[in-house]
C-alpha atoms as a PDB file:
ATOM      1  CA  MET A   1      16.015  14.853  18.349  1.00  0.00           C
ATOM      2  CA  GLY A   2      15.097  18.328  16.944  1.00  0.00           C
ATOM      3  CA  GLY A   3      17.780  20.600  18.021  1.00  0.00           C
ATOM      4  CA  GLN A   4      18.758  18.842  21.117  1.00  0.00           C
ATOM      5  CA  ALA A   5      22.420  19.094  21.918  1.00  0.00           C
ATOM      6  CA  LEU A   6      24.415  15.912  23.021  1.00  0.00           C
ATOM      7  CA  ARG A   7      25.306  15.946  26.823  1.00  0.00           C
ATOM      8  CA  SER A   8      28.751  16.695  27.857  1.00  0.00           C
ATOM      9  CA  PRO A   9      30.518  14.017  29.888  1.00  0.00           C
ATOM     10  CA  ALA A  10      30.321  16.532  32.872  1.00  0.00           C
ATOM     11  CA  SER A  11      26.451  16.394  32.683  1.00  0.00           C
ATOM     12  CA  ILE A  12      26.406  12.780  33.432  1.00  0.00           C
ATOM     13  CA  ASN A  13      27.424  13.430  37.034  1.00  0.00           C
ATOM     14  CA  ALA A  14      25.101  16.344  37.408  1.00  0.00           C
ATOM     15  CA  SER A  15      22.280  15.968  39.913  1.00  0.00           C
ATOM     16  CA  GLY A  16      18.696  15.071  38.599  1.00  0.00           C
ATOM     17  CA  PRO A  17      15.891  17.631  39.265  1.00  0.00           C
ATOM     18  CA  ALA A  18      16.358  21.357  39.804  1.00  0.00           C
ATOM     19  CA  GLU A  19      16.401  21.070  43.609  1.00  0.00           C
ATOM     20  CA  GLY A  20      19.331  18.631  43.194  1.00  0.00           C
ATOM     21  CA  LYS A  21      17.580  15.579  44.684  1.00  0.00           C
ATOM     22  CA  MET A  22      16.837  12.433  42.951  1.00  0.00           C
ATOM     23  CA  THR A  23      13.193  11.350  42.982  1.00  0.00           C
ATOM     24  CA  PRO A  24      12.680   7.565  43.524  1.00  0.00           C
ATOM     25  CA  GLU A  25      11.327   7.108  40.035  1.00  0.00           C
ATOM     26  CA  ARG A  26      14.203   8.925  38.439  1.00  0.00           C
ATOM     27  CA  THR A  27      17.516   7.342  37.661  1.00  0.00           C
ATOM     28  CA  SER A  28      20.708   9.266  38.140  1.00  0.00           C
ATOM     29  CA  PRO A  29      21.989  10.440  34.632  1.00  0.00           C
ATOM     30  CA  LYS A  30      25.288   8.624  35.272  1.00  0.00           C
ATOM     31  CA  TYR A  31      23.303   5.402  35.445  1.00  0.00           C
ATOM     32  CA  ASP A  32      21.114   6.104  32.337  1.00  0.00           C
ATOM     33  CA  VAL A  33      22.543   4.088  29.622  1.00  0.00           C
ATOM     34  CA  ALA A  34      21.024   6.303  26.810  1.00  0.00           C
ATOM     35  CA  ILE A  35      22.827   9.345  28.380  1.00  0.00           C
ATOM     36  CA  VAL A  36      26.015   7.562  28.699  1.00  0.00           C
ATOM     37  CA  GLU A  37      25.807   6.210  25.153  1.00  0.00           C
ATOM     38  CA  CYS A  38      25.540   9.875  24.033  1.00  0.00           C
ATOM     39  CA  ALA A  39      28.634  10.855  26.217  1.00  0.00           C
ATOM     40  CA  ILE A  40      30.565   7.936  24.723  1.00  0.00           C
ATOM     41  CA  LEU A  41      29.792   9.063  21.144  1.00  0.00           C
ATOM     42  CA  GLU A  42      30.751  12.708  21.955  1.00  0.00           C
ATOM     43  CA  VAL A  43      34.004  11.822  23.684  1.00  0.00           C
ATOM     44  CA  ALA A  44      35.147   9.376  21.112  1.00  0.00           C
ATOM     45  CA  ALA A  45      34.341  11.732  18.246  1.00  0.00           C
ATOM     46  CA  GLU A  46      36.309  14.575  20.081  1.00  0.00           C
ATOM     47  CA  LEU A  47      39.335  12.164  20.473  1.00  0.00           C
ATOM     48  CA  HIS A  48      39.030  10.885  16.848  1.00  0.00           C
ATOM     49  CA  PRO A  49      41.272   9.554  15.241  1.00  0.00           C
ATOM     50  CA  GLN A  50      42.759   8.451  18.611  1.00  0.00           C
ATOM     51  CA  ARG A  51      41.436   5.235  19.894  1.00  0.00           C
ATOM     52  CA  LEU A  52      41.102   4.235  23.276  1.00  0.00           C
ATOM     53  CA  SER A  53      40.422   1.025  25.116  1.00  0.00           C
ATOM     54  CA  ALA A  54      36.950   0.505  26.549  1.00  0.00           C
ATOM     55  CA  ASP A  55      38.622   0.941  29.967  1.00  0.00           C
ATOM     56  CA  GLY A  56      40.588   4.175  28.944  1.00  0.00           C
ATOM     57  CA  LEU A  57      37.316   5.587  27.624  1.00  0.00           C
ATOM     58  CA  SER A  58      35.495   4.702  30.716  1.00  0.00           C
ATOM     59  CA  LEU A  59      37.989   6.587  32.733  1.00  0.00           C
ATOM     60  CA  LYS A  60      37.332   9.834  30.704  1.00  0.00           C
ATOM     61  CA  ILE A  61      33.491   9.408  31.287  1.00  0.00           C
ATOM     62  CA  VAL A  62      32.831   8.220  34.760  1.00  0.00           C
ATOM     63  CA  GLY A  63      32.880  10.388  37.734  1.00  0.00           C
ATOM     64  CA  ASP A  64      33.846   7.674  40.292  1.00  0.00           C
ATOM     65  CA  PRO A  65      35.979   5.052  39.043  1.00  0.00           C
ATOM     66  CA  ASP A  66      35.205   2.989  42.237  1.00  0.00           C
ATOM     67  CA  ASP A  67      31.511   3.056  41.500  1.00  0.00           C
ATOM     68  CA  SER A  68      30.854  -0.424  39.968  1.00  0.00           C
ATOM     69  CA  ARG A  69      27.316   0.486  38.884  1.00  0.00           C
ATOM     70  CA  GLU A  70      28.603   3.479  36.866  1.00  0.00           C
ATOM     71  CA  LEU A  71      31.286   1.269  35.198  1.00  0.00           C
ATOM     72  CA  GLU A  72      28.734  -1.225  34.349  1.00  0.00           C
ATOM     73  CA  THR A  73      26.654   1.408  32.916  1.00  0.00           C
ATOM     74  CA  VAL A  74      29.535   2.484  30.664  1.00  0.00           C
ATOM     75  CA  ALA A  75      30.240  -1.111  29.736  1.00  0.00           C
ATOM     76  CA  GLN A  76      26.460  -1.753  28.731  1.00  0.00           C
ATOM     77  CA  ALA A  77      26.485   1.593  26.743  1.00  0.00           C
ATOM     78  CA  ILE A  78      29.605   0.410  24.758  1.00  0.00           C
ATOM     79  CA  ARG A  79      28.047  -3.099  24.127  1.00  0.00           C
ATOM     80  CA  ASN A  80      24.699  -1.298  22.934  1.00  0.00           C
ATOM     81  CA  LEU A  81      26.683   1.161  20.644  1.00  0.00           C
ATOM     82  CA  ARG A  82      28.522  -1.886  19.085  1.00  0.00           C
ATOM     83  CA  GLU A  83      25.287  -3.859  18.568  1.00  0.00           C
ATOM     84  CA  PHE A  84      23.675  -0.814  17.001  1.00  0.00           C
ATOM     85  CA  GLY A  85      26.584  -0.326  14.550  1.00  0.00           C
ATOM     86  CA  LEU A  86      27.922   3.016  15.944  1.00  0.00           C
ATOM     87  CA  LEU A  87      31.144   1.416  17.177  1.00  0.00           C
ATOM     88  CA  ARG A  88      33.125  -0.986  15.340  1.00  0.00           C
ATOM     89  CA  GLY A  89      32.641  -4.660  16.371  1.00  0.00           C
ATOM     90  CA  ARG A  90      36.214  -5.546  17.260  1.00  0.00           C
ATOM     91  CA  ASP A  91      37.854  -8.590  18.897  1.00  0.00           C
ATOM     92  CA  ASP A  92      39.912  -6.237  20.993  1.00  0.00           C
ATOM     93  CA  GLU A  93      38.753  -3.875  23.522  1.00  0.00           C
ATOM     94  CA  ILE A  94      39.452  -0.701  21.337  1.00  0.00           C
ATOM     95  CA  VAL A  95      36.601   1.646  20.940  1.00  0.00           C
ATOM     96  CA  GLU A  96      36.410   2.928  17.351  1.00  0.00           C
ATOM     97  CA  LEU A  97      33.471   4.937  15.928  1.00  0.00           C
ATOM     98  CA  THR A  98      32.004   3.806  12.588  1.00  0.00           C
ATOM     99  CA  PRO A  99      31.819   6.572   9.797  1.00  0.00           C
ATOM    100  CA  ALA A 100      28.078   6.640  10.431  1.00  0.00           C
ATOM    101  CA  ALA A 101      28.483   7.493  14.110  1.00  0.00           C
ATOM    102  CA  LEU A 102      31.006  10.163  13.189  1.00  0.00           C
ATOM    103  CA  ARG A 103      28.455  11.762  10.846  1.00  0.00           C
ATOM    104  CA  ALA A 104      25.793  11.533  13.219  1.00  0.00           C
ATOM    105  CA  VAL A 105      27.633  13.281  15.989  1.00  0.00           C
ATOM    106  CA  ALA A 106      28.552  15.967  13.557  1.00  0.00           C
ATOM    107  CA  LEU A 107      25.091  16.541  12.536  1.00  0.00           C
ATOM    108  CA  LEU A 108      23.701  16.655  15.936  1.00  0.00           C
ATOM    109  CA  ALA A 109      26.549  19.026  17.116  1.00  0.00           C
ATOM    110  CA  GLY A 110      26.108  21.438  14.362  1.00  0.00           C
END
């Protein structure tokens, strides 16, 4: 991770290569689960201690709420972060960062 900053939510919707066209072998950043995971961590840390539902957080991250593929990417990223222990595993749909996630975001941002 050497000095790499977290990507802002706005960067998720940015075009891919410099000329603004996606190459066939490259996925748009808004469909890249790892990039979306970073954005979720960043947004959730910025909002901390406020807690949002998964749907509420999705609306803060997605560029097009009618894009089902983008919404599924966010849902998968939330599931992954829960599985990795960076979001609390809760029975409800509230997204809550673990202390480890908060610390990691702080270290990477600073």
